[in-house]
Structures are given as structure tokens and as C-alpha cells.
Amino acid sequence: MLDYVYDITPAICGDEGDSIAFLNVTITPDLAGDLTLASSSSNGSLAILWLSAGQSGTTYAVTLAIGTLAGRSFQRTVMLPCLPLSAEPPLGTELVTESGAPLLDQTGKPIFIES
């Protein structure tokens, strides 16, 4: 089981005190053995997901429907590739921030997208 955190701070910027009031998570595909949501919670502007299982070689769409205390609502989908634990990172392009810095996973390795 791995934890993932999604920060909505950019979406609520300028509205001091706003935070997540409602969080609904869906994952597709959702067949037997696919990625599952073990639990979810929020802490201020952070959506925290605990995910488990998953089929190696499958890319999952993890959709977060979020409502805030100030009445904002929005939906974001994150594409999450499932890799075998012993595999090297896939060949492709690194995900980078607007400033060009690579995005890293929780172990400090760069995150790649399929080319």
C-alpha cells in the first residue's frame, strides 16, 4: 500500500482559511485485481489517498472530486502508471514543473510519462 498526496493550494489561492470539506475518489479501470482505494482523508488543502493492488503495465485514472468549505467544487484526474516493483523506470519523458525541475516520487526518483 502506498500513500499519495494531492495539494489543492493553487486552486484555493487567495481564499485564506478555505480547505477540503468533501473528497470523493474514483479509479478506472476497476476490474478484479486493479488499483484500489484503501482509504482517503483530507488535511487542510491536502487530499491524502492510500492505494493498493494494481495490475503491472496498466495506467489508472485516479479522479478526485473535491468540495471546499468556501463552496468551491472541482475535479482533477491524475494518470498513475502501475509498474512492477523490480522494474526500471519506463523510457519516456520526465514530468517537470513549469520551471523545468523534475517531479519526483516519494523515493526521490523522477516520474516519467510514456512516449
C-alpha atoms as a PDB file:
ATOM      1  CA  MET A   1       0.000   0.000   0.000  1.00  0.00           C
ATOM      2  CA  LEU A   2       1.304   3.451  -0.923  1.00  0.00           C
ATOM      3  CA  ASP A   3       0.147   6.888   0.109  1.00  0.00           C
ATOM      4  CA  TYR A   4      -0.289   9.748  -2.337  1.00  0.00           C
ATOM      5  CA  VAL A   5      -0.958  13.385  -1.524  1.00  0.00           C
ATOM      6  CA  TYR A   6      -2.676  15.888  -3.825  1.00  0.00           C
ATOM      7  CA  ASP A   7      -2.325  19.546  -2.819  1.00  0.00           C
ATOM      8  CA  ILE A   8      -5.171  21.881  -3.889  1.00  0.00           C
ATOM      9  CA  THR A   9      -3.446  25.058  -2.644  1.00  0.00           C
ATOM     10  CA  PRO A  10      -3.186  26.561  -6.170  1.00  0.00           C
ATOM     11  CA  ALA A  11      -6.945  26.086  -6.659  1.00  0.00           C
ATOM     12  CA  ILE A  12      -7.864  27.923  -3.440  1.00  0.00           C
ATOM     13  CA  CYS A  13      -5.126  30.561  -3.519  1.00  0.00           C
ATOM     14  CA  GLY A  14      -6.366  33.901  -2.226  1.00  0.00           C
ATOM     15  CA  ASP A  15      -9.079  32.439  -0.019  1.00  0.00           C
ATOM     16  CA  GLU A  16      -7.454  32.192   3.415  1.00  0.00           C
ATOM     17  CA  GLY A  17      -8.969  29.503   5.601  1.00  0.00           C
ATOM     18  CA  ASP A  18     -10.542  27.528   2.772  1.00  0.00           C
ATOM     19  CA  SER A  19      -9.893  23.795   2.928  1.00  0.00           C
ATOM     20  CA  ILE A  20     -11.244  20.475   1.719  1.00  0.00           C
ATOM     21  CA  ALA A  21     -14.693  19.676   3.123  1.00  0.00           C
ATOM     22  CA  PHE A  22     -15.625  16.838   0.740  1.00  0.00           C
ATOM     23  CA  LEU A  23     -13.494  14.305  -1.141  1.00  0.00           C
ATOM     24  CA  ASN A  24     -14.710  11.560  -3.448  1.00  0.00           C
ATOM     25  CA  VAL A  25     -12.213   9.334  -5.281  1.00  0.00           C
ATOM     26  CA  THR A  26     -12.863   7.069  -8.274  1.00  0.00           C
ATOM     27  CA  ILE A  27     -10.351   4.866 -10.056  1.00  0.00           C
ATOM     28  CA  THR A  28     -10.634   3.425 -13.569  1.00  0.00           C
ATOM     29  CA  PRO A  29     -10.299   0.765 -14.744  1.00  0.00           C
ATOM     30  CA  ASP A  30     -11.790  -1.020 -11.732  1.00  0.00           C
ATOM     31  CA  LEU A  31     -11.722  -4.731 -12.533  1.00  0.00           C
ATOM     32  CA  ALA A  32     -10.655  -7.526 -10.178  1.00  0.00           C
ATOM     33  CA  GLY A  33      -7.010  -7.065  -9.167  1.00  0.00           C
ATOM     34  CA  ASP A  34      -6.881  -3.441 -10.295  1.00  0.00           C
ATOM     35  CA  LEU A  35      -5.753  -0.466  -8.234  1.00  0.00           C
ATOM     36  CA  THR A  36      -7.968   0.066  -5.199  1.00  0.00           C
ATOM     37  CA  LEU A  37      -8.536   2.913  -2.780  1.00  0.00           C
ATOM     38  CA  ALA A  38      -7.848   1.599   0.725  1.00  0.00           C
ATOM     39  CA  SER A  39      -8.743   4.932   2.344  1.00  0.00           C
ATOM     40  CA  SER A  40      -8.818   8.665   1.770  1.00  0.00           C
ATOM     41  CA  SER A  41      -8.787  11.706   4.017  1.00  0.00           C
ATOM     42  CA  SER A  42      -8.014  15.391   3.913  1.00  0.00           C
ATOM     43  CA  ASN A  43      -5.923  17.750   5.995  1.00  0.00           C
ATOM     44  CA  GLY A  44      -6.488  21.390   5.115  1.00  0.00           C
ATOM     45  CA  SER A  45      -5.597  21.705   1.429  1.00  0.00           C
ATOM     46  CA  LEU A  46      -4.180  18.168   1.139  1.00  0.00           C
ATOM     47  CA  ALA A  47      -6.106  15.181  -0.200  1.00  0.00           C
ATOM     48  CA  ILE A  48      -4.456  12.009   1.116  1.00  0.00           C
ATOM     49  CA  LEU A  49      -5.023   8.689  -0.665  1.00  0.00           C
ATOM     50  CA  TRP A  50      -3.892   5.216   0.362  1.00  0.00           C
ATOM     51  CA  LEU A  51      -3.817   2.988  -2.737  1.00  0.00           C
ATOM     52  CA  SER A  52      -3.114  -0.715  -3.067  1.00  0.00           C
ATOM     53  CA  ALA A  53      -3.008  -3.564  -5.598  1.00  0.00           C
ATOM     54  CA  GLY A  54      -2.944  -2.766  -9.327  1.00  0.00           C
ATOM     55  CA  GLN A  55      -2.002  -4.611 -12.496  1.00  0.00           C
ATOM     56  CA  SER A  56       1.542  -4.074 -13.748  1.00  0.00           C
ATOM     57  CA  GLY A  57       1.571  -2.255 -17.079  1.00  0.00           C
ATOM     58  CA  THR A  58      -1.803  -0.601 -16.500  1.00  0.00           C
ATOM     59  CA  THR A  59      -2.203   3.166 -16.249  1.00  0.00           C
ATOM     60  CA  TYR A  60      -5.014   4.159 -13.914  1.00  0.00           C
ATOM     61  CA  ALA A  61      -7.106   7.314 -13.944  1.00  0.00           C
ATOM     62  CA  VAL A  62      -7.498   8.476 -10.333  1.00  0.00           C
ATOM     63  CA  THR A  63     -10.221  11.141 -10.213  1.00  0.00           C
ATOM     64  CA  LEU A  64     -10.667  13.372  -7.173  1.00  0.00           C
ATOM     65  CA  ALA A  65     -13.958  15.277  -6.807  1.00  0.00           C
ATOM     66  CA  ILE A  66     -13.352  17.957  -4.193  1.00  0.00           C
ATOM     67  CA  GLY A  67     -15.623  20.418  -2.400  1.00  0.00           C
ATOM     68  CA  THR A  68     -14.254  23.143  -0.133  1.00  0.00           C
ATOM     69  CA  LEU A  69     -15.587  24.900   2.958  1.00  0.00           C
ATOM     70  CA  ALA A  70     -15.992  28.091   0.886  1.00  0.00           C
ATOM     71  CA  GLY A  71     -18.274  26.284  -1.572  1.00  0.00           C
ATOM     72  CA  ARG A  72     -15.830  25.701  -4.416  1.00  0.00           C
ATOM     73  CA  SER A  73     -16.042  22.393  -6.220  1.00  0.00           C
ATOM     74  CA  PHE A  74     -13.765  20.913  -8.818  1.00  0.00           C
ATOM     75  CA  GLN A  75     -12.496  17.650 -10.198  1.00  0.00           C
ATOM     76  CA  ARG A  76      -8.960  16.607 -11.079  1.00  0.00           C
ATOM     77  CA  THR A  77      -7.760  13.388 -12.724  1.00  0.00           C
ATOM     78  CA  VAL A  78      -4.244  12.058 -12.231  1.00  0.00           C
ATOM     79  CA  MET A  79      -2.890   9.344 -14.525  1.00  0.00           C
ATOM     80  CA  LEU A  80      -0.995   6.801 -12.417  1.00  0.00           C
ATOM     81  CA  PRO A  81       1.054   4.062 -14.134  1.00  0.00           C
ATOM     82  CA  CYS A  82       1.419   0.792 -12.235  1.00  0.00           C
ATOM     83  CA  LEU A  83       4.909  -0.703 -12.548  1.00  0.00           C
ATOM     84  CA  PRO A  84       6.338  -3.988 -11.278  1.00  0.00           C
ATOM     85  CA  LEU A  85       8.308  -3.436  -8.081  1.00  0.00           C
ATOM     86  CA  SER A  86      11.501  -4.734  -9.685  1.00  0.00           C
ATOM     87  CA  ALA A  87      11.252  -2.751 -12.932  1.00  0.00           C
ATOM     88  CA  GLU A  88      13.405   0.139 -14.073  1.00  0.00           C
ATOM     89  CA  PRO A  89      11.557   3.398 -14.808  1.00  0.00           C
ATOM     90  CA  PRO A  90       9.893   3.326 -18.235  1.00  0.00           C
ATOM     91  CA  LEU A  91      11.596   5.060 -21.095  1.00  0.00           C
ATOM     92  CA  GLY A  92       9.938   8.332 -21.886  1.00  0.00           C
ATOM     93  CA  THR A  93       9.863  11.938 -20.897  1.00  0.00           C
ATOM     94  CA  GLU A  94      10.303  13.156 -17.340  1.00  0.00           C
ATOM     95  CA  LEU A  95       7.437  15.117 -15.836  1.00  0.00           C
ATOM     96  CA  VAL A  96       8.713  18.576 -14.936  1.00  0.00           C
ATOM     97  CA  THR A  97       7.427  21.686 -13.194  1.00  0.00           C
ATOM     98  CA  GLU A  98       6.908  24.983 -15.023  1.00  0.00           C
ATOM     99  CA  SER A  99      10.452  25.962 -14.038  1.00  0.00           C
ATOM    100  CA  GLY A 100      11.882  22.751 -15.549  1.00  0.00           C
ATOM    101  CA  ALA A 101      12.616  20.887 -12.304  1.00  0.00           C
ATOM    102  CA  PRO A 102      11.803  17.158 -12.476  1.00  0.00           C
ATOM    103  CA  LEU A 103       8.845  15.843 -10.454  1.00  0.00           C
ATOM    104  CA  LEU A 104       9.989  13.140  -8.041  1.00  0.00           C
ATOM    105  CA  ASP A 105       8.173  10.241  -6.426  1.00  0.00           C
ATOM    106  CA  GLN A 106       8.290   9.530  -2.685  1.00  0.00           C
ATOM    107  CA  THR A 107      11.636   7.722  -3.105  1.00  0.00           C
ATOM    108  CA  GLY A 108      13.264  10.669  -4.910  1.00  0.00           C
ATOM    109  CA  LYS A 109      13.208   9.115  -8.401  1.00  0.00           C
ATOM    110  CA  PRO A 110      11.934  11.130 -11.395  1.00  0.00           C
ATOM    111  CA  ILE A 111       8.403  10.415 -12.674  1.00  0.00           C
ATOM    112  CA  PHE A 112       8.182   9.558 -16.386  1.00  0.00           C
ATOM    113  CA  ILE A 113       5.361   9.642 -18.924  1.00  0.00           C
ATOM    114  CA  GLU A 114       5.138   7.158 -21.740  1.00  0.00           C
ATOM    115  CA  SER A 115       6.496   8.361 -25.037  1.00  0.00           C
END
